[in-house]
Amino acid sequence: MLFTFDSIDATYENIVGDKQIIDVRTHKEFDITGTLKGAYKIPLTTEDHSQIRTEFLDDVLSSGIDKNKPVYVICRSGVRSRYAAQILSKNGFKKVINLNGGILKLYMDGYKNFVK
């Protein structure tokens, strides 16, 4: 079985509205820059980025995120979110969308409404 996900640019238009967004950056990154309003803060990696957290999928499943609705995944630049999107797709999430460019792209495009 082929597991796939979509990728779209991290733009204001693609993050607003009633969307399920998972921010997979680390807690340290959340503290420094904040995150998107309403985003689920579920780190993919350990704080030093040396390994994938074994609890990642369990944390997503216990968060209340609906597997049958679209799930958007974001990180700093798009690399970790792409990996997280693969994990979610392989584990029964129906529509997973990676936000290319991540928080960095949003910031560079002038988005400043990050919340802590």
Protein backbone atom coordinates (compact mmCIF):
# COMPACT_ATOMS: atom_id res chain seq x y z
CA MET A 1 0.00 0.00 0.00
CA LEU A 2 1.30 3.44 -0.94
CA PHE A 3 1.17 6.13 1.74
CA THR A 4 1.13 9.67 0.47
CA PHE A 5 0.64 13.19 1.68
CA ASP A 6 0.25 16.55 0.00
CA SER A 7 2.61 19.50 0.24
CA ILE A 8 1.58 23.14 -0.04
CA ASP A 9 3.40 26.36 0.82
CA ALA A 10 3.15 27.68 4.36
CA THR A 11 1.24 30.87 3.60
CA TYR A 12 -1.28 32.89 5.56
CA GLU A 13 -4.10 31.60 3.36
CA ASN A 14 -3.11 27.99 4.06
CA ILE A 15 -3.01 28.32 7.86
CA VAL A 16 -6.12 30.35 8.67
CA GLY A 17 -9.55 28.96 9.39
CA ASP A 18 -10.69 25.92 11.29
CA LYS A 19 -7.77 23.62 10.50
CA GLN A 20 -6.08 20.85 12.45
CA ILE A 21 -2.44 21.97 12.49
CA ILE A 22 0.34 20.07 14.25
CA ASP A 23 3.52 22.01 15.00
CA VAL A 24 6.25 19.36 15.30
CA ARG A 25 9.07 21.63 16.49
CA THR A 26 10.65 21.23 19.93
CA HIS A 27 9.42 22.86 23.15
CA LYS A 28 12.48 25.12 23.09
CA GLU A 29 11.47 26.34 19.62
CA PHE A 30 7.88 26.93 20.81
CA ASP A 31 9.24 29.03 23.69
CA ILE A 32 11.46 31.12 21.40
CA THR A 33 9.08 31.93 18.54
CA GLY A 34 5.65 30.81 19.64
CA THR A 35 3.39 28.86 17.31
CA LEU A 36 0.21 29.25 15.30
CA LYS A 37 -2.99 29.98 17.22
CA GLY A 38 -4.83 26.71 17.83
CA ALA A 39 -1.97 24.49 16.67
CA TYR A 40 -1.26 21.26 18.49
CA LYS A 41 2.30 21.42 19.83
CA ILE A 42 3.62 17.86 19.45
CA PRO A 43 7.40 17.61 18.98
CA LEU A 44 8.61 15.05 16.46
CA THR A 45 12.21 14.93 17.70
CA THR A 46 14.08 15.12 20.97
CA GLU A 47 15.18 18.61 22.04
CA ASP A 48 18.64 18.12 20.50
CA HIS A 49 17.08 16.82 17.23
CA SER A 50 19.17 13.64 17.49
CA GLN A 51 16.26 11.21 17.23
CA ILE A 52 12.57 10.83 16.57
CA ARG A 53 10.53 10.74 19.78
CA THR A 54 9.02 7.28 20.20
CA GLU A 55 5.97 8.95 21.79
CA PHE A 56 5.21 11.14 18.77
CA LEU A 57 2.45 9.02 17.26
CA ASP A 58 0.89 8.22 20.65
CA ASP A 59 0.89 11.93 21.50
CA VAL A 60 -0.89 12.73 18.23
CA LEU A 61 -3.43 9.95 18.72
CA SER A 62 -4.21 11.06 22.29
CA SER A 63 -4.49 14.76 21.35
CA GLY A 64 -8.02 14.54 19.97
CA ILE A 65 -6.99 15.15 16.37
CA ASP A 66 -9.51 13.58 13.97
CA LYS A 67 -7.79 11.11 11.61
CA ASN A 68 -10.63 11.48 9.13
CA LYS A 69 -10.25 15.24 8.67
CA PRO A 70 -7.33 17.00 6.96
CA VAL A 71 -4.26 17.42 9.18
CA TYR A 72 -1.67 20.11 8.40
CA VAL A 73 1.88 19.64 9.67
CA ILE A 74 4.41 22.44 10.18
CA CYS A 75 7.94 22.80 11.56
CA ARG A 76 10.70 25.40 11.24
CA SER A 77 11.46 24.90 7.54
CA GLY A 78 9.53 21.86 6.27
CA VAL A 79 11.94 18.97 6.79
CA ARG A 80 10.62 17.54 10.07
CA SER A 81 7.02 18.20 9.05
CA ARG A 82 7.56 16.17 5.88
CA TYR A 83 8.82 13.25 7.97
CA ALA A 84 5.91 13.63 10.42
CA ALA A 85 3.47 13.69 7.49
CA GLN A 86 4.85 10.34 6.34
CA ILE A 87 4.37 8.85 9.81
CA LEU A 88 0.78 10.09 10.01
CA SER A 89 -0.05 8.90 6.51
CA LYS A 90 1.31 5.43 7.29
CA ASN A 91 -0.81 5.28 10.42
CA GLY A 92 -4.26 5.85 8.98
CA PHE A 93 -4.62 9.61 8.75
CA LYS A 94 -6.80 10.16 5.68
CA LYS A 95 -5.44 13.50 4.39
CA VAL A 96 -2.12 14.89 5.58
CA ILE A 97 -0.70 18.15 4.27
CA ASN A 98 2.91 19.25 4.81
CA LEU A 99 3.34 23.03 5.02
CA ASN A 100 6.47 23.69 2.93
CA GLY A 101 8.82 26.34 4.24
CA GLY A 102 7.35 26.14 7.73
CA ILE A 103 7.39 28.83 10.39
CA LEU A 104 10.47 30.38 8.78
CA LYS A 105 8.60 31.03 5.51
CA LEU A 106 5.64 32.53 7.34
CA TYR A 107 7.95 34.81 9.31
CA MET A 108 9.90 35.87 6.19
CA ASP A 109 6.59 36.62 4.45
CA GLY A 110 5.66 39.00 7.27
CA TYR A 111 3.40 36.82 9.43
CA LYS A 112 3.76 37.92 13.06
CA ASN A 113 0.71 36.48 14.87
CA PHE A 114 2.55 33.70 16.66
CA VAL A 115 1.26 32.79 20.14
CA LYS A 116 3.15 31.29 23.06
